[in-house]
Amino acid sequence: TVEIDDPLMIEGIERVQRAIAIHRAVPGRLRGVVTVLG
């Protein structure tokens, strides 16, 4: 584990987590669209 209390670092990591979630969701939606089109 690592403990961090720096707000800027926490916000940066959280922003990365949101970006990763979106990045993962888009291919998932794309797969869904491809599946529907198929």
PDB file of all heavy atoms in Angstrom:
ATOM      1  N   THR A   1       0.839  -1.205   0.000  1.00  0.00           N
ATOM      2  CA  THR A   1       0.000   0.000   0.000  1.00  0.00           C
ATOM      3  C   THR A   1       0.866   1.244   0.000  1.00  0.00           C
ATOM      4  O   THR A   1       2.054   1.205   0.338  1.00  0.00           O
ATOM      5  CB  THR A   1      -0.922   0.052   1.229  1.00  0.00           C
ATOM      6  OG1 THR A   1      -0.114   0.043   2.420  1.00  0.00           O
ATOM      7  CG2 THR A   1      -1.894  -1.116   1.262  1.00  0.00           C
ATOM      8  N   VAL A   2       0.248   2.361  -0.386  1.00  0.00           N
ATOM      9  CA  VAL A   2       0.874   3.665  -0.249  1.00  0.00           C
ATOM     10  C   VAL A   2      -0.195   4.653   0.215  1.00  0.00           C
ATOM     11  O   VAL A   2      -1.338   4.598  -0.232  1.00  0.00           O
ATOM     12  CB  VAL A   2       1.522   4.120  -1.573  1.00  0.00           C
ATOM     13  CG1 VAL A   2       0.489   4.378  -2.658  1.00  0.00           C
ATOM     14  CG2 VAL A   2       2.365   5.367  -1.343  1.00  0.00           C
ATOM     15  N   GLU A   3       0.197   5.506   1.173  1.00  0.00           N
ATOM     16  CA  GLU A   3      -0.724   6.505   1.714  1.00  0.00           C
ATOM     17  C   GLU A   3      -0.306   7.870   1.199  1.00  0.00           C
ATOM     18  O   GLU A   3       0.873   8.244   1.259  1.00  0.00           O
ATOM     19  CB  GLU A   3      -0.684   6.482   3.246  1.00  0.00           C
ATOM     20  CG  GLU A   3      -1.114   5.138   3.818  1.00  0.00           C
ATOM     21  CD  GLU A   3      -1.019   5.126   5.346  1.00  0.00           C
ATOM     22  OE1 GLU A   3      -0.765   6.210   5.916  1.00  0.00           O
ATOM     23  OE2 GLU A   3      -1.209   4.053   5.939  1.00  0.00           O
ATOM     24  N   ILE A   4      -1.274   8.619   0.683  1.00  0.00           N
ATOM     25  CA  ILE A   4      -1.004   9.941   0.100  1.00  0.00           C
ATOM     26  C   ILE A   4      -2.021  10.923   0.652  1.00  0.00           C
ATOM     27  O   ILE A   4      -3.218  10.656   0.658  1.00  0.00           O
ATOM     28  CB  ILE A   4      -1.099   9.888  -1.437  1.00  0.00           C
ATOM     29  CG1 ILE A   4      -0.135   8.831  -2.011  1.00  0.00           C
ATOM     30  CG2 ILE A   4      -0.833  11.249  -2.056  1.00  0.00           C
ATOM     31  CD1 ILE A   4      -0.325   8.576  -3.489  1.00  0.00           C
ATOM     32  N   ASP A   5      -1.518  12.093   1.116  1.00  0.00           N
ATOM     33  CA  ASP A   5      -2.448  13.133   1.586  1.00  0.00           C
ATOM     34  C   ASP A   5      -2.351  14.407   0.762  1.00  0.00           C
ATOM     35  O   ASP A   5      -3.001  15.403   1.078  1.00  0.00           O
ATOM     36  CB  ASP A   5      -2.224  13.420   3.076  1.00  0.00           C
ATOM     37  CG  ASP A   5      -0.793  13.835   3.387  1.00  0.00           C
ATOM     38  OD1 ASP A   5      -0.042  14.104   2.421  1.00  0.00           O
ATOM     39  OD2 ASP A   5      -0.435  13.873   4.567  1.00  0.00           O
ATOM     40  N   ASP A   6      -1.569  14.395  -0.316  1.00  0.00           N
ATOM     41  CA  ASP A   6      -1.445  15.565  -1.183  1.00  0.00           C
ATOM     42  C   ASP A   6      -2.668  15.643  -2.094  1.00  0.00           C
ATOM     43  O   ASP A   6      -2.891  14.760  -2.926  1.00  0.00           O
ATOM     44  CB  ASP A   6      -0.164  15.453  -2.021  1.00  0.00           C
ATOM     45  CG  ASP A   6       0.082  16.691  -2.869  1.00  0.00           C
ATOM     46  OD1 ASP A   6      -0.695  16.912  -3.823  1.00  0.00           O
ATOM     47  OD2 ASP A   6       1.035  17.424  -2.571  1.00  0.00           O
ATOM     48  N   PRO A   7      -3.498  16.717  -1.956  1.00  0.00           N
ATOM     49  CA  PRO A   7      -4.733  16.811  -2.738  1.00  0.00           C
ATOM     50  C   PRO A   7      -4.488  16.771  -4.250  1.00  0.00           C
ATOM     51  O   PRO A   7      -5.277  16.183  -5.000  1.00  0.00           O
ATOM     52  CB  PRO A   7      -5.336  18.148  -2.315  1.00  0.00           C
ATOM     53  CG  PRO A   7      -4.720  18.431  -0.986  1.00  0.00           C
ATOM     54  CD  PRO A   7      -3.337  17.866  -1.031  1.00  0.00           C
ATOM     55  N   LEU A   8      -3.398  17.438  -4.705  1.00  0.00           N
ATOM     56  CA  LEU A   8      -3.138  17.472  -6.135  1.00  0.00           C
ATOM     57  C   LEU A   8      -2.827  16.071  -6.679  1.00  0.00           C
ATOM     58  O   LEU A   8      -3.301  15.688  -7.741  1.00  0.00           O
ATOM     59  CB  LEU A   8      -1.966  18.421  -6.430  1.00  0.00           C
ATOM     60  CG  LEU A   8      -1.684  18.705  -7.917  1.00  0.00           C
ATOM     61  CD1 LEU A   8      -2.905  19.317  -8.587  1.00  0.00           C
ATOM     62  CD2 LEU A   8      -0.474  19.628  -8.052  1.00  0.00           C
ATOM     63  N   MET A   9      -2.016  15.321  -5.907  1.00  0.00           N
ATOM     64  CA  MET A   9      -1.697  13.961  -6.325  1.00  0.00           C
ATOM     65  C   MET A   9      -2.948  13.078  -6.303  1.00  0.00           C
ATOM     66  O   MET A   9      -3.183  12.291  -7.221  1.00  0.00           O
ATOM     67  CB  MET A   9      -0.622  13.371  -5.420  1.00  0.00           C
ATOM     68  CG  MET A   9      -0.333  11.885  -5.655  1.00  0.00           C
ATOM     69  SD  MET A   9       0.249  11.525  -7.328  1.00  0.00           S
ATOM     70  CE  MET A   9       1.989  11.948  -7.150  1.00  0.00           C
ATOM     71  N   ILE A  10      -3.754  13.242  -5.240  1.00  0.00           N
ATOM     72  CA  ILE A  10      -4.983  12.431  -5.159  1.00  0.00           C
ATOM     73  C   ILE A  10      -5.901  12.730  -6.333  1.00  0.00           C
ATOM     74  O   ILE A  10      -6.435  11.821  -6.968  1.00  0.00           O
ATOM     75  CB  ILE A  10      -5.697  12.682  -3.816  1.00  0.00           C
ATOM     76  CG1 ILE A  10      -4.840  12.164  -2.658  1.00  0.00           C
ATOM     77  CG2 ILE A  10      -7.075  12.034  -3.808  1.00  0.00           C
ATOM     78  CD1 ILE A  10      -5.363  12.555  -1.286  1.00  0.00           C
ATOM     79  N   GLU A  11      -6.043  14.053  -6.625  1.00  0.00           N
ATOM     80  CA  GLU A  11      -6.895  14.433  -7.757  1.00  0.00           C
ATOM     81  C   GLU A  11      -6.331  13.897  -9.070  1.00  0.00           C
ATOM     82  O   GLU A  11      -7.071  13.429  -9.944  1.00  0.00           O
ATOM     83  CB  GLU A  11      -7.014  15.956  -7.822  1.00  0.00           C
ATOM     84  CG  GLU A  11      -7.722  16.502  -9.070  1.00  0.00           C
ATOM     85  CD  GLU A  11      -9.155  15.998  -9.214  1.00  0.00           C
ATOM     86  OE1 GLU A  11      -9.772  15.622  -8.190  1.00  0.00           O
ATOM     87  OE2 GLU A  11      -9.665  15.965 -10.347  1.00  0.00           O
ATOM     88  N   GLY A  12      -4.994  13.940  -9.208  1.00  0.00           N
ATOM     89  CA  GLY A  12      -4.375  13.431 -10.429  1.00  0.00           C
ATOM     90  C   GLY A  12      -4.641  11.948 -10.608  1.00  0.00           C
ATOM     91  O   GLY A  12      -4.975  11.492 -11.701  1.00  0.00           O
ATOM     92  N   ILE A  13      -4.477  11.181  -9.520  1.00  0.00           N
ATOM     93  CA  ILE A  13      -4.723   9.734  -9.617  1.00  0.00           C
ATOM     94  C   ILE A  13      -6.195   9.462  -9.908  1.00  0.00           C
ATOM     95  O   ILE A  13      -6.538   8.591 -10.716  1.00  0.00           O
ATOM     96  CB  ILE A  13      -4.272   9.024  -8.337  1.00  0.00           C
ATOM     97  CG1 ILE A  13      -2.745   9.117  -8.194  1.00  0.00           C
ATOM     98  CG2 ILE A  13      -4.699   7.558  -8.350  1.00  0.00           C
ATOM     99  CD1 ILE A  13      -2.215   8.561  -6.889  1.00  0.00           C
ATOM    100  N   GLU A  14      -7.091  10.223  -9.236  1.00  0.00           N
ATOM    101  CA  GLU A  14      -8.525  10.019  -9.479  1.00  0.00           C
ATOM    102  C   GLU A  14      -8.886  10.327 -10.934  1.00  0.00           C
ATOM    103  O   GLU A  14      -9.693   9.632 -11.547  1.00  0.00           O
ATOM    104  CB  GLU A  14      -9.340  10.921  -8.533  1.00  0.00           C
ATOM    105  CG  GLU A  14      -9.198  10.595  -7.059  1.00  0.00           C
ATOM    106  CD  GLU A  14      -9.746   9.222  -6.712  1.00  0.00           C
ATOM    107  OE1 GLU A  14     -10.682   8.761  -7.405  1.00  0.00           O
ATOM    108  OE2 GLU A  14      -9.219   8.611  -5.773  1.00  0.00           O
ATOM    109  N   ARG A  15      -8.233  11.384 -11.465  1.00  0.00           N
ATOM    110  CA  ARG A  15      -8.512  11.725 -12.848  1.00  0.00           C
ATOM    111  C   ARG A  15      -8.038  10.606 -13.784  1.00  0.00           C
ATOM    112  O   ARG A  15      -8.693  10.283 -14.776  1.00  0.00           O
ATOM    113  CB  ARG A  15      -7.831  13.057 -13.204  1.00  0.00           C
ATOM    114  CG  ARG A  15      -8.371  13.675 -14.486  1.00  0.00           C
ATOM    115  CD  ARG A  15      -7.707  14.988 -14.792  1.00  0.00           C
ATOM    116  NE  ARG A  15      -7.911  15.959 -13.734  1.00  0.00           N
ATOM    117  CZ  ARG A  15      -7.411  17.199 -13.774  1.00  0.00           C
ATOM    118  NH1 ARG A  15      -6.675  17.574 -14.795  1.00  0.00           N
ATOM    119  NH2 ARG A  15      -7.629  18.037 -12.777  1.00  0.00           N
ATOM    120  N   VAL A  16      -6.890  10.049 -13.445  1.00  0.00           N
ATOM    121  CA  VAL A  16      -6.397   8.923 -14.236  1.00  0.00           C
ATOM    122  C   VAL A  16      -7.378   7.752 -14.169  1.00  0.00           C
ATOM    123  O   VAL A  16      -7.667   7.090 -15.171  1.00  0.00           O
ATOM    124  CB  VAL A  16      -5.008   8.485 -13.738  1.00  0.00           C
ATOM    125  CG1 VAL A  16      -4.615   7.152 -14.371  1.00  0.00           C
ATOM    126  CG2 VAL A  16      -3.968   9.536 -14.068  1.00  0.00           C
ATOM    127  N   GLN A  17      -7.921   7.493 -12.937  1.00  0.00           N
ATOM    128  CA  GLN A  17      -8.862   6.388 -12.784  1.00  0.00           C
ATOM    129  C   GLN A  17     -10.112   6.611 -13.641  1.00  0.00           C
ATOM    130  O   GLN A  17     -10.618   5.669 -14.272  1.00  0.00           O
ATOM    131  CB  GLN A  17      -9.262   6.236 -11.303  1.00  0.00           C
ATOM    132  CG  GLN A  17      -8.120   5.911 -10.363  1.00  0.00           C
ATOM    133  CD  GLN A  17      -7.526   4.544 -10.633  1.00  0.00           C
ATOM    134  OE1 GLN A  17      -8.143   3.694 -11.251  1.00  0.00           O
ATOM    135  NE2 GLN A  17      -6.303   4.328 -10.185  1.00  0.00           N
ATOM    136  N   ARG A  18     -10.602   7.855 -13.689  1.00  0.00           N
ATOM    137  CA  ARG A  18     -11.786   8.139 -14.501  1.00  0.00           C
ATOM    138  C   ARG A  18     -11.480   7.971 -15.995  1.00  0.00           C
ATOM    139  O   ARG A  18     -12.300   7.432 -16.752  1.00  0.00           O
ATOM    140  CB  ARG A  18     -12.301   9.555 -14.227  1.00  0.00           C
ATOM    141  CG  ARG A  18     -12.945   9.737 -12.855  1.00  0.00           C
ATOM    142  CD  ARG A  18     -13.720  11.044 -12.788  1.00  0.00           C
ATOM    143  NE  ARG A  18     -12.839  12.195 -12.899  1.00  0.00           N
ATOM    144  CZ  ARG A  18     -12.254  12.787 -11.862  1.00  0.00           C
ATOM    145  NH1 ARG A  18     -12.458  12.322 -10.616  1.00  0.00           N
ATOM    146  NH2 ARG A  18     -11.485  13.838 -12.037  1.00  0.00           N
ATOM    147  N   ALA A  19     -10.283   8.434 -16.375  1.00  0.00           N
ATOM    148  CA  ALA A  19      -9.895   8.301 -17.779  1.00  0.00           C
ATOM    149  C   ALA A  19      -9.797   6.833 -18.185  1.00  0.00           C
ATOM    150  O   ALA A  19     -10.204   6.435 -19.279  1.00  0.00           O
ATOM    151  CB  ALA A  19      -8.566   9.015 -18.026  1.00  0.00           C
ATOM    152  N   ILE A  20      -9.237   6.023 -17.282  1.00  0.00           N
ATOM    153  CA  ILE A  20      -9.113   4.587 -17.566  1.00  0.00           C
ATOM    154  C   ILE A  20     -10.490   3.947 -17.679  1.00  0.00           C
ATOM    155  O   ILE A  20     -10.742   3.111 -18.558  1.00  0.00           O
ATOM    156  CB  ILE A  20      -8.274   3.897 -16.472  1.00  0.00           C
ATOM    157  CG1 ILE A  20      -6.812   4.338 -16.583  1.00  0.00           C
ATOM    158  CG2 ILE A  20      -8.379   2.379 -16.590  1.00  0.00           C
ATOM    159  CD1 ILE A  20      -5.942   3.847 -15.450  1.00  0.00           C
ATOM    160  N   ALA A  21     -11.426   4.353 -16.786  1.00  0.00           N
ATOM    161  CA  ALA A  21     -12.773   3.793 -16.832  1.00  0.00           C
ATOM    162  C   ALA A  21     -13.459   4.108 -18.161  1.00  0.00           C
ATOM    163  O   ALA A  21     -14.108   3.252 -18.769  1.00  0.00           O
ATOM    164  CB  ALA A  21     -13.598   4.325 -15.667  1.00  0.00           C
ATOM    165  N   ILE A  22     -13.278   5.386 -18.613  1.00  0.00           N
ATOM    166  CA  ILE A  22     -13.875   5.775 -19.898  1.00  0.00           C
ATOM    167  C   ILE A  22     -13.215   5.003 -21.041  1.00  0.00           C
ATOM    168  O   ILE A  22     -13.868   4.523 -21.962  1.00  0.00           O
ATOM    169  CB  ILE A  22     -13.734   7.296 -20.108  1.00  0.00           C
ATOM    170  CG1 ILE A  22     -14.589   8.043 -19.075  1.00  0.00           C
ATOM    171  CG2 ILE A  22     -14.127   7.684 -21.530  1.00  0.00           C
ATOM    172  CD1 ILE A  22     -14.382   9.535 -19.074  1.00  0.00           C
ATOM    173  N   HIS A  23     -11.877   4.886 -20.944  1.00  0.00           N
ATOM    174  CA  HIS A  23     -11.125   4.189 -21.982  1.00  0.00           C
ATOM    175  C   HIS A  23     -11.581   2.733 -22.113  1.00  0.00           C
ATOM    176  O   HIS A  23     -11.657   2.178 -23.201  1.00  0.00           O
ATOM    177  CB  HIS A  23      -9.640   4.248 -21.642  1.00  0.00           C
ATOM    178  CG  HIS A  23      -8.754   3.642 -22.689  1.00  0.00           C
ATOM    179  ND1 HIS A  23      -8.554   4.221 -23.921  1.00  0.00           N
ATOM    180  CD2 HIS A  23      -8.025   2.498 -22.685  1.00  0.00           C
ATOM    181  CE1 HIS A  23      -7.729   3.474 -24.630  1.00  0.00           C
ATOM    182  NE2 HIS A  23      -7.394   2.415 -23.896  1.00  0.00           N
ATOM    183  N   ARG A  24     -11.911   2.139 -20.966  1.00  0.00           N
ATOM    184  CA  ARG A  24     -12.381   0.753 -20.990  1.00  0.00           C
ATOM    185  C   ARG A  24     -13.824   0.656 -21.484  1.00  0.00           C
ATOM    186  O   ARG A  24     -14.208  -0.307 -22.125  1.00  0.00           O
ATOM    187  CB  ARG A  24     -12.275   0.134 -19.593  1.00  0.00           C
ATOM    188  CG  ARG A  24     -10.837  -0.212 -19.205  1.00  0.00           C
ATOM    189  CD  ARG A  24     -10.773  -0.685 -17.783  1.00  0.00           C
ATOM    190  NE  ARG A  24      -9.443  -1.187 -17.444  1.00  0.00           N
ATOM    191  CZ  ARG A  24      -9.072  -1.498 -16.205  1.00  0.00           C
ATOM    192  NH1 ARG A  24      -9.914  -1.353 -15.194  1.00  0.00           N
ATOM    193  NH2 ARG A  24      -7.854  -1.956 -15.980  1.00  0.00           N
ATOM    194  N   ALA A  25     -14.628   1.674 -21.145  1.00  0.00           N
ATOM    195  CA  ALA A  25     -16.046   1.623 -21.493  1.00  0.00           C
ATOM    196  C   ALA A  25     -16.264   1.777 -22.990  1.00  0.00           C
ATOM    197  O   ALA A  25     -17.146   1.150 -23.568  1.00  0.00           O
ATOM    198  CB  ALA A  25     -16.821   2.709 -20.748  1.00  0.00           C
ATOM    199  N   VAL A  26     -15.423   2.647 -23.624  1.00  0.00           N
ATOM    200  CA  VAL A  26     -15.618   2.896 -25.046  1.00  0.00           C
ATOM    201  C   VAL A  26     -15.458   1.628 -25.879  1.00  0.00           C
ATOM    202  O   VAL A  26     -16.309   1.302 -26.696  1.00  0.00           O
ATOM    203  CB  VAL A  26     -14.661   4.007 -25.534  1.00  0.00           C
ATOM    204  CG1 VAL A  26     -14.655   4.089 -27.054  1.00  0.00           C
ATOM    205  CG2 VAL A  26     -15.078   5.339 -24.942  1.00  0.00           C
ATOM    206  N   PRO A  27     -14.356   0.832 -25.689  1.00  0.00           N
ATOM    207  CA  PRO A  27     -14.293  -0.435 -26.430  1.00  0.00           C
ATOM    208  C   PRO A  27     -15.459  -1.363 -26.123  1.00  0.00           C
ATOM    209  O   PRO A  27     -15.920  -2.085 -26.985  1.00  0.00           O
ATOM    210  CB  PRO A  27     -12.953  -1.047 -25.970  1.00  0.00           C
ATOM    211  CG  PRO A  27     -12.141   0.125 -25.550  1.00  0.00           C
ATOM    212  CD  PRO A  27     -13.122   1.078 -24.951  1.00  0.00           C
ATOM    213  N   GLY A  28     -15.920  -1.318 -24.860  1.00  0.00           N
ATOM    214  CA  GLY A  28     -17.065  -2.158 -24.508  1.00  0.00           C
ATOM    215  C   GLY A  28     -18.297  -1.766 -25.291  1.00  0.00           C
ATOM    216  O   GLY A  28     -19.013  -2.604 -25.815  1.00  0.00           O
ATOM    217  N   ARG A  29     -18.530  -0.442 -25.387  1.00  0.00           N
ATOM    218  CA  ARG A  29     -19.662   0.028 -26.175  1.00  0.00           C
ATOM    219  C   ARG A  29     -19.465  -0.298 -27.648  1.00  0.00           C
ATOM    220  O   ARG A  29     -20.393  -0.653 -28.358  1.00  0.00           O
ATOM    221  CB  ARG A  29     -19.852   1.537 -25.983  1.00  0.00           C
ATOM    222  CG  ARG A  29     -20.367   1.919 -24.606  1.00  0.00           C
ATOM    223  CD  ARG A  29     -20.934   3.327 -24.632  1.00  0.00           C
ATOM    224  NE  ARG A  29     -19.912   4.318 -24.945  1.00  0.00           N
ATOM    225  CZ  ARG A  29     -19.165   4.931 -24.046  1.00  0.00           C
ATOM    226  NH1 ARG A  29     -19.295   4.654 -22.755  1.00  0.00           N
ATOM    227  NH2 ARG A  29     -18.268   5.820 -24.420  1.00  0.00           N
ATOM    228  N   LEU A  30     -18.192  -0.152 -28.089  1.00  0.00           N
ATOM    229  CA  LEU A  30     -17.904  -0.473 -29.475  1.00  0.00           C
ATOM    230  C   LEU A  30     -18.187  -1.933 -29.770  1.00  0.00           C
ATOM    231  O   LEU A  30     -18.764  -2.275 -30.801  1.00  0.00           O
ATOM    232  CB  LEU A  30     -16.439  -0.138 -29.782  1.00  0.00           C
ATOM    233  CG  LEU A  30     -15.979  -0.369 -31.226  1.00  0.00           C
ATOM    234  CD1 LEU A  30     -16.806   0.486 -32.185  1.00  0.00           C
ATOM    235  CD2 LEU A  30     -14.504  -0.068 -31.375  1.00  0.00           C
ATOM    236  N   ARG A  31     -17.777  -2.793 -28.826  1.00  0.00           N
ATOM    237  CA  ARG A  31     -18.070  -4.209 -29.008  1.00  0.00           C
ATOM    238  C   ARG A  31     -19.576  -4.451 -29.071  1.00  0.00           C
ATOM    239  O   ARG A  31     -20.061  -5.280 -29.832  1.00  0.00           O
ATOM    240  CB  ARG A  31     -17.450  -5.026 -27.874  1.00  0.00           C
ATOM    241  CG  ARG A  31     -15.962  -5.283 -28.045  1.00  0.00           C
ATOM    242  CD  ARG A  31     -15.485  -6.355 -27.089  1.00  0.00           C
ATOM    243  NE  ARG A  31     -15.687  -5.983 -25.693  1.00  0.00           N
ATOM    244  CZ  ARG A  31     -14.788  -5.302 -24.972  1.00  0.00           C
ATOM    245  NH1 ARG A  31     -13.638  -4.913 -25.522  1.00  0.00           N
ATOM    246  NH2 ARG A  31     -15.031  -5.012 -23.715  1.00  0.00           N
ATOM    247  N   GLY A  32     -20.305  -3.690 -28.229  1.00  0.00           N
ATOM    248  CA  GLY A  32     -21.762  -3.829 -28.245  1.00  0.00           C
ATOM    249  C   GLY A  32     -22.349  -3.413 -29.576  1.00  0.00           C
ATOM    250  O   GLY A  32     -23.226  -4.087 -30.130  1.00  0.00           O
ATOM    251  N   VAL A  33     -21.829  -2.274 -30.115  1.00  0.00           N
ATOM    252  CA  VAL A  33     -22.308  -1.803 -31.411  1.00  0.00           C
ATOM    253  C   VAL A  33     -21.977  -2.818 -32.500  1.00  0.00           C
ATOM    254  O   VAL A  33     -22.795  -3.132 -33.360  1.00  0.00           O
ATOM    255  CB  VAL A  33     -21.688  -0.426 -31.748  1.00  0.00           C
ATOM    256  CG1 VAL A  33     -22.003  -0.032 -33.195  1.00  0.00           C
ATOM    257  CG2 VAL A  33     -22.212   0.631 -30.790  1.00  0.00           C
ATOM    258  N   VAL A  34     -20.726  -3.316 -32.447  1.00  0.00           N
ATOM    259  CA  VAL A  34     -20.312  -4.315 -33.436  1.00  0.00           C
ATOM    260  C   VAL A  34     -21.181  -5.569 -33.337  1.00  0.00           C
ATOM    261  O   VAL A  34     -21.580  -6.156 -34.346  1.00  0.00           O
ATOM    262  CB  VAL A  34     -18.822  -4.678 -33.252  1.00  0.00           C
ATOM    263  CG1 VAL A  34     -18.454  -5.873 -34.120  1.00  0.00           C
ATOM    264  CG2 VAL A  34     -17.944  -3.484 -33.593  1.00  0.00           C
ATOM    265  N   THR A  35     -21.488  -5.960 -32.091  1.00  0.00           N
ATOM    266  CA  THR A  35     -22.339  -7.143 -31.898  1.00  0.00           C
ATOM    267  C   THR A  35     -23.717  -6.926 -32.487  1.00  0.00           C
ATOM    268  O   THR A  35     -24.274  -7.800 -33.169  1.00  0.00           O
ATOM    269  CB  THR A  35     -22.456  -7.469 -30.402  1.00  0.00           C
ATOM    270  OG1 THR A  35     -21.147  -7.741 -29.883  1.00  0.00           O
ATOM    271  CG2 THR A  35     -23.334  -8.689 -30.185  1.00  0.00           C
ATOM    272  N   VAL A  36     -24.284  -5.728 -32.229  1.00  0.00           N
ATOM    273  CA  VAL A  36     -25.612  -5.417 -32.761  1.00  0.00           C
ATOM    274  C   VAL A  36     -25.589  -5.395 -34.289  1.00  0.00           C
ATOM    275  O   VAL A  36     -26.463  -5.952 -34.956  1.00  0.00           O
ATOM    276  CB  VAL A  36     -26.117  -4.067 -32.207  1.00  0.00           C
ATOM    277  CG1 VAL A  36     -27.385  -3.632 -32.933  1.00  0.00           C
ATOM    278  CG2 VAL A  36     -26.392  -4.192 -30.711  1.00  0.00           C
ATOM    279  N   LEU A  37     -24.544  -4.739 -34.839  1.00  0.00           N
ATOM    280  CA  LEU A  37     -24.431  -4.680 -36.294  1.00  0.00           C
ATOM    281  C   LEU A  37     -24.264  -6.078 -36.887  1.00  0.00           C
ATOM    282  O   LEU A  37     -24.820  -6.397 -37.944  1.00  0.00           O
ATOM    283  CB  LEU A  37     -23.258  -3.793 -36.702  1.00  0.00           C
ATOM    284  CG  LEU A  37     -23.427  -2.292 -36.445  1.00  0.00           C
ATOM    285  CD1 LEU A  37     -22.161  -1.543 -36.824  1.00  0.00           C
ATOM    286  CD2 LEU A  37     -24.615  -1.739 -37.208  1.00  0.00           C
ATOM    287  N   GLY A  38     -23.482  -6.909 -36.183  1.00  0.00           N
ATOM    288  CA  GLY A  38     -23.306  -8.286 -36.641  1.00  0.00           C
ATOM    289  C   GLY A  38     -24.620  -9.046 -36.637  1.00  0.00           C
ATOM    290  O   GLY A  38     -24.920  -9.803 -37.568  1.00  0.00           O
TER     291      GLY A  38
END
